[in-house]
Amino acid sequence: MLSLDIGSTGVRAARFADGRLGPVHERRYRTAAQATNGRPDPAVVLATVVDLLDGIDPIAVRAVSVSVQWQTLLAVDADDRPLGDVLTWESTVPAADLAEVRDALRGVFSRETSGTYLHSSSPVAAVRTVSVPGTARLTDLAGWLTRRLTGRDVGWSPVIAAASGLWDRWAGGWTSPVLSALGVDEHRLGGVCAHPVHPRLGSWAAGWAPAAAWLPALGDGLCHNLGLGAVGPGATALTVGTSGSVRALLPGSPAVPDGLWAFRVGERTTAVGGAVTSAGNVLEWVTGFTGTPVPWASFDGDRPALPDVRAVPDVYGRRGPDYPDGVFGAVSGLSPGSTPADLVRAFAVDIWRPFAVLQALLDSVTGGDPDSPVTAAGGVLRRHPAAAQLAADALGRPVHLLDEAEPALRGAALVAAASLIAPVDGVLAWVDAAARSVADEGPVRPPTVPARTVSPRPAWTRALRERWSQPG
């Protein structure tokens, strides 16, 4: 089988067989402009996927499983041609549009029903922004890509719909009062497709792998937890890449406190967590802004060495825990002696504050042992040991860092494996099966995959909590 991961900056793919991921193929599609507006051109993403798959031998590919950004929205015309860019979690909905949506949904939209928040990162907030003249259909990126590649008229995967804010997580269908308030007929969403499709004769995918079944898309956060083995009560996953999140994959429908989202991703499985918008992207921004790399070595040692400068790291906005709109990054504590390195160090420290808040909220749901490790992955943690150490200090929990560069690809493959065993059950049942398998046996992976556990430094944990308890 083949796993495909459509991320914020590029596309990756790898074969999965006998519990092992093969070589990873990668292409980037993100441009400098998209790095600031978070709106990729769907045609560019499609061309990137095609270019990537053209370089992969399709022999023996029985199933294609796709991990994708969980919250996207795209308007297309009657011929399924895009009428603009894709709105993603990074996009900014114009303030006037967002205010109009909030007014329309007052008394109609609820986190209890949707599992998420009325925030500019969510498709529900962007419906009126993307609905330009000529809009025949509102779709997600993965659904549109699957249609273009296979020639089949697939709609939303229920796993992707679950994160849209338009979905009733209890009824398992579109939320009619929300759609009505937004002036959207349900048929404009194109339905929901829970089963795989085979390429239509003459489609691109039919020429590439004619026998392959293309599975309904999966949210990247779900795939990360499966790929990292963070499934079940007490198990949480921390991911720090371009953005970040803390997540748990739990049985049933647990009660969730304010600050966390809850998506029904299986018939008996709920993904619970919180998202951090400004993470690795902020570190990249501040090093470019100042021309100064992060001095990671300054965070070594058992004695805390924190800068006097403090940062509000919301350069790219903020989601959890309070999901405000229209927020910006800020700096305080500057003095004549402050240097660019102080500014960089402040951001390198203070990006961890929302992670700590979200992990504490998640612990209240999972009943996690404060001494048990949090399973972690992501480019920031993998490339910078000092970042992993600061993460452990901020959480006050050991961080179990897996050398798993592609947890999303592995997680998507595990769902695909479940689909081959019970092909008629549908994607929600396959997610349940994959989650049970991982909870019982752990994710299938080579026994040589190394890992290390980073323990928090008590003095640093105390110093960070004191720093973040102060106003400013």
Protein backbone atom coordinates (compact mmCIF):
# COMPACT_ATOMS: atom_id res chain seq x y z
CA MET A 1 0.00 0.00 0.00
CA LEU A 2 1.04 3.62 -0.39
CA SER A 3 0.72 6.41 2.17
CA LEU A 4 0.46 10.02 1.02
CA ASP A 5 0.83 13.00 3.37
CA ILE A 6 -0.31 16.43 2.16
CA GLY A 7 1.13 18.89 4.65
CA SER A 8 1.42 22.63 5.06
CA THR A 9 4.55 22.97 2.95
CA GLY A 10 4.78 19.92 0.74
CA VAL A 11 3.79 16.37 -0.07
CA ARG A 12 5.38 13.09 1.04
CA ALA A 13 4.74 9.49 0.08
CA ALA A 14 6.09 6.08 1.04
CA ARG A 15 5.23 2.44 0.56
CA PHE A 16 4.24 0.42 3.62
CA ALA A 17 4.74 -3.35 3.74
CA ASP A 18 5.54 -5.86 6.47
CA GLY A 19 5.27 -3.14 9.11
CA ARG A 20 7.90 -0.95 7.51
CA LEU A 21 7.82 2.33 5.65
CA GLY A 22 9.90 2.35 2.51
CA PRO A 23 11.95 5.28 1.23
CA VAL A 24 10.13 8.59 1.58
CA HIS A 25 9.58 10.65 -1.57
CA GLU A 26 9.00 14.36 -1.08
CA ARG A 27 8.09 17.48 -3.06
CA ARG A 28 7.52 21.00 -1.79
CA TYR A 29 4.77 23.25 -3.09
CA ARG A 30 4.85 26.14 -0.63
CA THR A 31 6.00 29.50 -1.99
CA ALA A 32 7.21 32.55 -0.12
CA ALA A 33 3.79 34.20 -0.51
CA GLN A 34 1.99 31.16 0.88
CA ALA A 35 4.32 31.22 3.86
CA THR A 36 2.56 34.40 4.96
CA ASN A 37 -1.04 33.92 3.86
CA GLY A 38 -1.53 30.16 4.28
CA ARG A 39 -3.55 29.86 1.06
CA PRO A 40 -2.02 27.36 -1.36
CA ASP A 41 -3.06 27.27 -4.99
CA PRO A 42 -4.95 23.96 -5.41
CA ALA A 43 -3.63 23.54 -8.95
CA VAL A 44 -0.07 23.77 -7.62
CA VAL A 45 -0.80 21.19 -4.91
CA LEU A 46 -2.33 18.86 -7.51
CA ALA A 47 0.65 19.25 -9.84
CA THR A 48 2.98 18.55 -6.92
CA VAL A 49 1.11 15.37 -6.00
CA VAL A 50 1.16 14.18 -9.63
CA ASP A 51 4.86 14.94 -9.94
CA LEU A 52 5.57 13.03 -6.75
CA LEU A 53 3.52 9.98 -7.70
CA ASP A 54 4.98 9.95 -11.22
CA GLY A 55 8.30 9.12 -9.58
CA ILE A 56 6.92 6.12 -7.68
CA ASP A 57 6.55 2.69 -9.28
CA PRO A 58 2.87 1.75 -8.78
CA ILE A 59 3.49 -1.98 -9.01
CA ALA A 60 1.57 -3.89 -6.29
CA VAL A 61 -0.06 -0.74 -4.85
CA ARG A 62 -3.42 -2.05 -3.65
CA ALA A 63 -4.51 0.95 -1.59
CA VAL A 64 -3.64 4.65 -1.31
CA SER A 65 -4.23 6.23 2.08
CA VAL A 66 -4.03 10.00 2.46
CA SER A 67 -3.17 12.08 5.52
CA VAL A 68 -4.02 15.74 5.02
CA GLN A 69 -4.32 19.04 6.83
CA TRP A 70 -7.46 18.57 8.85
CA GLN A 71 -9.18 21.91 8.16
CA THR A 72 -9.34 23.16 4.57
CA LEU A 73 -12.03 24.73 2.40
CA LEU A 74 -12.20 25.36 -1.33
CA ALA A 75 -14.91 26.70 -3.65
CA VAL A 76 -15.29 25.14 -7.09
CA ASP A 77 -17.58 25.77 -10.06
CA ALA A 78 -19.96 23.34 -11.76
CA ASP A 79 -17.01 21.75 -13.59
CA ASP A 80 -15.08 21.28 -10.33
CA ARG A 81 -12.63 24.03 -11.23
CA PRO A 82 -11.26 26.00 -8.25
CA LEU A 83 -12.55 29.55 -7.84
CA GLY A 84 -9.73 30.62 -5.57
CA ASP A 85 -7.04 29.36 -3.26
CA VAL A 86 -7.49 26.83 -0.48
CA LEU A 87 -8.23 28.27 2.95
CA THR A 88 -6.28 26.40 5.62
CA TRP A 89 -5.67 26.65 9.35
CA GLU A 90 -3.12 29.37 8.57
CA SER A 91 -5.54 31.56 6.61
CA THR A 92 -7.04 34.75 7.97
CA VAL A 93 -10.75 35.29 7.40
CA PRO A 94 -11.44 39.03 6.91
CA ALA A 95 -12.74 40.59 10.11
CA ALA A 96 -15.97 41.73 8.47
CA ASP A 97 -16.68 38.24 7.14
CA LEU A 98 -15.95 36.67 10.51
CA ALA A 99 -18.19 39.14 12.33
CA GLU A 100 -20.98 38.41 9.86
CA VAL A 101 -20.60 34.65 10.41
CA ARG A 102 -20.61 35.08 14.19
CA ASP A 103 -23.84 37.08 13.98
CA ALA A 104 -25.46 34.52 11.71
CA LEU A 105 -24.48 31.59 13.94
CA ARG A 106 -25.31 33.17 17.30
CA GLY A 107 -27.41 30.66 19.22
CA VAL A 108 -26.93 28.05 16.47
CA PHE A 109 -23.27 27.04 16.56
CA SER A 110 -21.87 25.27 19.62
CA ARG A 111 -18.66 23.52 20.55
CA GLU A 112 -20.74 20.80 22.19
CA THR A 113 -22.24 19.86 18.83
CA SER A 114 -19.35 20.65 16.49
CA GLY A 115 -16.49 19.67 18.77
CA THR A 116 -14.55 22.73 17.64
CA TYR A 117 -14.48 26.54 17.76
CA LEU A 118 -15.80 29.34 15.62
CA HIS A 119 -12.35 30.60 14.69
CA SER A 120 -10.76 31.80 11.48
CA SER A 121 -8.79 28.53 11.25
CA SER A 122 -12.00 26.51 10.91
CA PRO A 123 -13.87 25.96 7.61
CA VAL A 124 -17.18 27.00 9.21
CA ALA A 125 -15.81 30.53 9.59
CA ALA A 126 -14.65 30.68 5.97
CA VAL A 127 -17.81 29.57 4.17
CA ARG A 128 -18.87 33.09 3.19
CA THR A 129 -15.32 34.16 2.39
CA VAL A 130 -14.76 31.42 -0.20
CA SER A 131 -18.31 31.48 -1.61
CA VAL A 132 -17.61 33.76 -4.56
CA PRO A 133 -19.98 34.14 -7.53
CA GLY A 134 -20.14 30.94 -9.52
CA THR A 135 -19.60 28.65 -6.53
CA ALA A 136 -21.32 25.33 -7.16
CA ARG A 137 -19.66 23.31 -4.44
CA LEU A 138 -17.77 23.78 -1.19
CA THR A 139 -15.20 21.05 -0.77
CA ASP A 140 -12.11 20.14 1.19
CA LEU A 141 -8.69 19.90 -0.43
CA ALA A 142 -8.36 16.11 -0.14
CA GLY A 143 -11.78 15.48 -1.64
CA TRP A 144 -11.02 17.73 -4.62
CA LEU A 145 -7.63 16.10 -5.18
CA THR A 146 -9.15 12.62 -5.07
CA ARG A 147 -11.76 13.61 -7.64
CA ARG A 148 -9.16 15.09 -9.96
CA LEU A 149 -6.89 12.06 -9.68
CA THR A 150 -9.46 9.26 -9.84
CA GLY A 151 -12.29 10.78 -11.86
CA ARG A 152 -14.76 9.66 -9.16
CA ASP A 153 -17.23 12.11 -7.65
CA VAL A 154 -16.20 11.64 -4.03
CA GLY A 155 -17.34 14.04 -1.33
CA TRP A 156 -15.95 14.76 2.10
CA SER A 157 -14.42 12.01 4.15
CA PRO A 158 -16.36 11.85 7.45
CA VAL A 159 -13.02 12.10 9.26
CA ILE A 160 -12.29 15.42 7.53
CA ALA A 161 -15.87 16.65 7.89
CA ALA A 162 -15.63 16.02 11.64
CA ALA A 163 -13.15 18.90 11.99
CA SER A 164 -15.00 21.38 9.77
CA GLY A 165 -17.30 22.97 12.34
CA LEU A 166 -20.16 22.06 9.99
CA TRP A 167 -20.52 18.52 11.37
CA ASP A 168 -22.71 17.24 14.18
CA ARG A 169 -20.43 14.90 16.09
CA TRP A 170 -23.34 13.21 17.86
CA ALA A 171 -25.57 12.63 14.83
CA GLY A 172 -22.66 11.95 12.47
CA GLY A 173 -23.88 14.26 9.73
CA TRP A 174 -23.95 17.86 8.57
CA THR A 175 -25.44 20.29 11.11
CA SER A 176 -28.56 21.54 9.36
CA PRO A 177 -29.15 24.65 11.54
CA VAL A 178 -25.58 25.84 10.90
CA LEU A 179 -25.85 25.29 7.16
CA SER A 180 -29.23 27.04 7.08
CA ALA A 181 -27.89 30.04 9.00
CA LEU A 182 -24.99 30.30 6.55
CA GLY A 183 -27.31 29.96 3.54
CA VAL A 184 -25.69 26.73 2.35
CA ASP A 185 -27.74 23.88 0.94
CA GLU A 186 -26.38 20.51 2.01
CA HIS A 187 -26.03 19.36 -1.61
CA ARG A 188 -23.43 22.11 -2.16
CA LEU A 189 -21.07 20.21 0.15
CA GLY A 190 -21.12 17.23 -2.21
CA GLY A 191 -22.04 14.53 0.28
CA VAL A 192 -19.89 12.30 2.45
CA CYS A 193 -17.92 9.30 1.21
CA ALA A 194 -16.82 6.69 3.75
CA HIS A 195 -15.64 3.99 1.34
CA PRO A 196 -12.74 3.71 -1.12
CA VAL A 197 -13.04 4.36 -4.82
CA HIS A 198 -11.22 2.83 -7.77
CA PRO A 199 -10.00 5.11 -10.57
CA ARG A 200 -12.33 5.68 -13.47
CA LEU A 201 -11.05 4.60 -16.87
CA GLY A 202 -9.19 7.51 -18.45
CA SER A 203 -8.42 9.27 -15.18
CA TRP A 204 -4.86 10.06 -14.16
CA ALA A 205 -4.86 7.44 -11.38
CA ALA A 206 -6.12 4.75 -13.78
CA GLY A 207 -2.99 5.26 -15.84
CA TRP A 208 -0.78 5.16 -12.77
CA ALA A 209 -2.21 2.37 -10.59
CA PRO A 210 -5.48 1.15 -12.10
CA ALA A 211 -6.21 -1.47 -9.42
CA ALA A 212 -5.51 0.75 -6.41
CA ALA A 213 -8.31 1.70 -4.04
CA TRP A 214 -8.18 5.35 -2.93
CA LEU A 215 -9.32 5.59 0.67
CA PRO A 216 -11.27 8.49 2.23
CA ALA A 217 -8.84 11.06 3.59
CA LEU A 218 -7.65 11.13 7.21
CA GLY A 219 -6.79 14.10 9.41
CA ASP A 220 -3.06 14.51 9.96
CA GLY A 221 -3.43 14.72 13.75
CA LEU A 222 -5.21 11.37 13.84
CA CYS A 223 -2.50 9.83 11.69
CA HIS A 224 0.25 11.26 13.89
CA ASN A 225 -1.20 9.66 17.02
CA LEU A 226 -1.58 6.30 15.32
CA GLY A 227 1.92 6.48 13.87
CA LEU A 228 3.42 7.44 17.23
CA GLY A 229 1.50 4.81 19.17
CA ALA A 230 -0.23 7.44 21.32
CA VAL A 231 -3.61 5.75 21.63
CA GLY A 232 -5.85 5.17 24.63
CA PRO A 233 -6.31 6.68 28.10
CA GLY A 234 -3.18 8.23 29.52
CA ALA A 235 -1.38 8.37 26.16
CA THR A 236 -0.80 11.75 24.58
CA ALA A 237 1.19 12.94 21.59
CA LEU A 238 3.09 16.19 21.20
CA THR A 239 3.94 17.39 17.71
CA VAL A 240 6.03 20.47 17.00
CA GLY A 241 6.63 21.31 13.38
CA THR A 242 5.44 24.31 11.37
CA SER A 243 2.54 24.42 13.82
CA GLY A 244 2.02 22.23 16.86
CA SER A 245 -0.50 20.29 18.87
CA VAL A 246 -1.11 17.98 21.78
CA ARG A 247 -3.60 15.18 21.17
CA ALA A 248 -5.09 11.99 22.56
CA LEU A 249 -7.02 9.27 20.77
CA LEU A 250 -9.65 7.97 23.17
CA PRO A 251 -12.45 5.40 23.13
CA GLY A 252 -16.02 6.61 23.35
CA SER A 253 -17.11 10.24 23.71
CA PRO A 254 -15.28 11.76 26.68
CA ALA A 255 -16.32 15.05 28.27
CA VAL A 256 -13.92 17.76 27.13
CA PRO A 257 -13.13 21.05 28.94
CA ASP A 258 -13.03 24.44 27.27
CA GLY A 259 -9.78 24.90 25.39
CA LEU A 260 -9.74 21.53 23.64
CA TRP A 261 -11.43 20.25 20.50
CA ALA A 262 -13.03 16.81 20.14
CA PHE A 263 -13.52 15.15 16.74
CA ARG A 264 -15.37 11.85 16.25
CA VAL A 265 -12.94 10.04 13.98
CA GLY A 266 -14.40 6.54 14.36
CA GLU A 267 -17.60 4.91 15.36
CA ARG A 268 -16.09 4.42 18.82
CA THR A 269 -13.07 6.73 18.73
CA THR A 270 -12.64 10.44 19.51
CA ALA A 271 -9.58 12.58 18.86
CA VAL A 272 -9.17 15.17 21.62
CA GLY A 273 -6.56 17.90 21.69
CA GLY A 274 -5.47 21.44 21.21
CA ALA A 275 -3.70 23.18 18.36
CA VAL A 276 -0.90 25.73 18.48
CA THR A 277 -0.69 27.97 15.43
CA SER A 278 2.60 29.75 16.16
CA ALA A 279 5.34 27.18 16.69
CA GLY A 280 8.22 26.25 14.39
CA ASN A 281 7.03 28.87 11.89
CA VAL A 282 7.72 31.53 14.54
CA LEU A 283 11.26 30.30 15.11
CA GLU A 284 11.86 30.48 11.37
CA TRP A 285 10.35 33.97 11.26
CA VAL A 286 12.29 35.43 14.19
CA THR A 287 15.63 34.11 12.95
CA GLY A 288 14.94 35.68 9.57
CA PHE A 289 13.68 38.90 11.13
CA THR A 290 16.76 39.35 13.32
CA GLY A 291 19.33 37.57 11.19
CA THR A 292 20.27 35.64 14.34
CA PRO A 293 19.96 31.87 14.75
CA VAL A 294 18.47 30.45 17.93
CA PRO A 295 21.33 30.07 20.45
CA TRP A 296 20.16 26.66 21.63
CA ALA A 297 23.32 26.11 23.69
CA SER A 298 22.24 28.94 26.02
CA PHE A 299 19.48 26.67 27.35
CA ASP A 300 21.89 23.96 28.53
CA GLY A 301 22.59 23.27 32.18
CA ASP A 302 20.46 22.72 35.26
CA ARG A 303 20.37 26.38 36.30
CA PRO A 304 17.68 28.35 34.45
CA ALA A 305 18.99 31.03 32.11
CA LEU A 306 15.93 32.88 30.85
CA PRO A 307 16.02 36.20 28.97
CA ASP A 308 14.58 39.36 30.51
CA VAL A 309 12.80 39.95 27.20
CA ARG A 310 9.45 38.17 26.99
CA ALA A 311 7.48 37.28 23.88
CA VAL A 312 3.86 36.74 23.01
CA PRO A 313 4.56 34.32 20.15
CA ASP A 314 1.28 34.80 18.25
CA VAL A 315 2.99 36.02 15.09
CA TYR A 316 0.84 33.68 12.99
CA GLY A 317 -2.22 33.98 15.22
CA ARG A 318 -3.47 31.73 17.99
CA ARG A 319 -5.81 28.79 18.35
CA GLY A 320 -5.79 26.93 21.66
CA PRO A 321 -6.57 27.30 24.41
CA ASP A 322 -8.83 30.36 23.98
CA TYR A 323 -9.19 30.57 20.17
CA PRO A 324 -9.23 34.37 19.79
CA ASP A 325 -9.23 36.17 16.48
CA GLY A 326 -7.17 39.17 15.48
CA VAL A 327 -4.24 38.54 17.83
CA PHE A 328 -0.63 39.40 17.08
CA GLY A 329 2.82 38.70 18.42
CA ALA A 330 4.35 41.11 20.91
CA VAL A 331 7.54 41.70 22.86
CA SER A 332 8.06 43.22 26.30
CA GLY A 333 10.98 43.80 28.62
CA LEU A 334 13.23 45.52 26.09
CA SER A 335 16.02 47.67 27.45
CA PRO A 336 19.00 49.52 25.93
CA GLY A 337 21.08 46.43 26.58
CA SER A 338 18.74 44.06 24.73
CA THR A 339 20.17 42.30 21.70
CA PRO A 340 18.69 40.43 18.74
CA ALA A 341 19.82 37.22 20.46
CA ASP A 342 17.69 38.14 23.50
CA LEU A 343 14.68 38.56 21.23
CA VAL A 344 15.29 35.20 19.57
CA ARG A 345 15.78 33.48 22.93
CA ALA A 346 12.51 34.96 24.22
CA PHE A 347 10.55 33.43 21.35
CA ALA A 348 12.43 30.12 21.70
CA VAL A 349 11.28 29.98 25.35
CA ASP A 350 7.78 31.40 25.17
CA ILE A 351 6.47 29.31 22.27
CA TRP A 352 6.13 26.49 24.83
CA ARG A 353 3.59 28.27 27.02
CA PRO A 354 0.44 27.22 25.09
CA PHE A 355 1.71 23.65 24.89
CA ALA A 356 1.93 23.54 28.68
CA VAL A 357 -1.61 24.89 29.08
CA LEU A 358 -3.05 22.44 26.55
CA GLN A 359 -1.23 19.46 28.03
CA ALA A 360 -2.64 20.26 31.47
CA LEU A 361 -6.15 20.39 30.01
CA LEU A 362 -5.60 17.13 28.17
CA ASP A 363 -4.36 15.44 31.33
CA SER A 364 -7.67 16.31 32.96
CA VAL A 365 -9.43 14.28 30.24
CA THR A 366 -7.05 11.33 29.92
CA GLY A 367 -6.16 10.97 33.58
CA GLY A 368 -2.53 10.90 32.51
CA ASP A 369 0.11 10.22 35.11
CA PRO A 370 2.18 13.43 35.52
CA ASP A 371 5.30 11.28 35.66
CA SER A 372 4.51 9.34 32.47
CA PRO A 373 6.18 10.41 29.23
CA VAL A 374 4.45 12.32 26.47
CA THR A 375 5.24 10.77 23.08
CA ALA A 376 6.70 13.43 20.82
CA ALA A 377 7.81 14.01 17.25
CA GLY A 378 8.20 16.82 14.75
CA GLY A 379 10.97 18.61 12.95
CA VAL A 380 11.68 21.19 15.69
CA LEU A 381 12.14 18.50 18.34
CA ARG A 382 14.05 16.17 16.07
CA ARG A 383 16.52 18.78 14.84
CA HIS A 384 17.17 20.57 18.13
CA PRO A 385 17.79 18.54 21.32
CA ALA A 386 17.54 21.75 23.36
CA ALA A 387 14.01 22.28 22.02
CA ALA A 388 12.99 18.82 23.24
CA GLN A 389 14.49 19.68 26.62
CA LEU A 390 12.54 22.94 26.82
CA ALA A 391 9.38 21.07 25.87
CA ALA A 392 9.88 18.66 28.77
CA ASP A 393 10.62 21.56 31.11
CA ALA A 394 7.49 23.43 29.99
CA LEU A 395 5.19 20.42 30.33
CA GLY A 396 6.79 19.26 33.56
CA ARG A 397 6.60 15.78 32.01
CA PRO A 398 9.15 13.46 30.45
CA VAL A 399 9.13 13.68 26.67
CA HIS A 400 9.61 10.39 24.85
CA LEU A 401 11.10 11.44 21.55
CA LEU A 402 10.74 8.88 18.80
CA ASP A 403 13.06 9.04 15.84
CA GLU A 404 9.99 8.70 13.62
CA ALA A 405 10.29 11.24 10.86
CA GLU A 406 6.97 10.35 9.22
CA PRO A 407 4.31 9.43 11.82
CA ALA A 408 1.53 10.68 9.53
CA LEU A 409 2.57 8.29 6.76
CA ARG A 410 2.76 5.39 9.21
CA GLY A 411 -0.62 6.22 10.76
CA ALA A 412 -2.32 6.46 7.37
CA ALA A 413 -0.82 3.09 6.44
CA LEU A 414 -2.22 1.46 9.58
CA VAL A 415 -5.73 2.56 8.62
CA ALA A 416 -5.16 1.26 5.10
CA ALA A 417 -4.09 -2.09 6.53
CA ALA A 418 -7.35 -2.25 8.49
CA SER A 419 -9.29 -1.48 5.30
CA LEU A 420 -7.78 -4.47 3.53
CA ILE A 421 -9.03 -6.77 6.28
CA ALA A 422 -12.61 -5.42 6.30
CA PRO A 423 -13.12 -3.45 3.07
CA VAL A 424 -16.90 -3.07 3.37
CA ASP A 425 -16.97 -1.52 6.84
CA GLY A 426 -15.93 2.04 5.92
CA VAL A 427 -13.35 4.49 7.15
CA LEU A 428 -14.81 5.06 10.63
CA ALA A 429 -14.64 1.33 11.39
CA TRP A 430 -11.10 1.15 9.98
CA VAL A 431 -9.98 3.95 12.30
CA ASP A 432 -11.50 2.06 15.24
CA ALA A 433 -9.70 -1.11 14.20
CA ALA A 434 -6.36 0.67 13.74
CA ALA A 435 -6.73 2.40 17.13
CA ARG A 436 -7.52 -0.90 18.88
CA SER A 437 -4.56 -2.57 17.22
CA VAL A 438 -2.17 0.18 18.25
CA ALA A 439 -3.53 0.31 21.81
CA ASP A 440 -3.14 -3.47 22.16
CA GLU A 441 0.12 -4.02 20.34
CA GLY A 442 1.68 -0.66 19.58
CA PRO A 443 2.25 0.63 16.05
CA VAL A 444 3.98 -1.87 13.81
CA ARG A 445 7.45 -0.51 13.29
CA PRO A 446 11.00 -1.84 12.91
CA PRO A 447 12.43 -2.83 16.30
CA THR A 448 15.50 -0.72 15.62
CA VAL A 449 13.67 2.64 15.61
CA PRO A 450 15.57 4.51 18.34
CA ALA A 451 13.99 6.69 20.96
CA ARG A 452 15.15 8.76 23.89
CA THR A 453 13.37 10.14 26.89
CA VAL A 454 14.09 13.70 27.98
CA SER A 455 13.27 14.37 31.63
CA PRO A 456 12.21 17.82 32.84
CA ARG A 457 14.68 19.88 34.86
CA PRO A 458 12.79 20.85 38.04
CA ALA A 459 14.44 24.25 38.37
CA TRP A 460 13.61 25.13 34.77
CA THR A 461 10.02 23.96 35.17
CA ARG A 462 9.60 26.20 38.23
CA ALA A 463 11.24 29.15 36.48
CA LEU A 464 9.06 28.81 33.39
CA ARG A 465 5.87 28.57 35.41
CA GLU A 466 6.85 31.66 37.38
CA ARG A 467 7.69 33.51 34.15
CA TRP A 468 4.33 32.64 32.59
CA SER A 469 2.35 33.44 35.71
CA GLN A 470 3.41 37.08 35.55
CA PRO A 471 1.42 39.61 33.53
CA GLY A 472 2.85 41.02 30.36
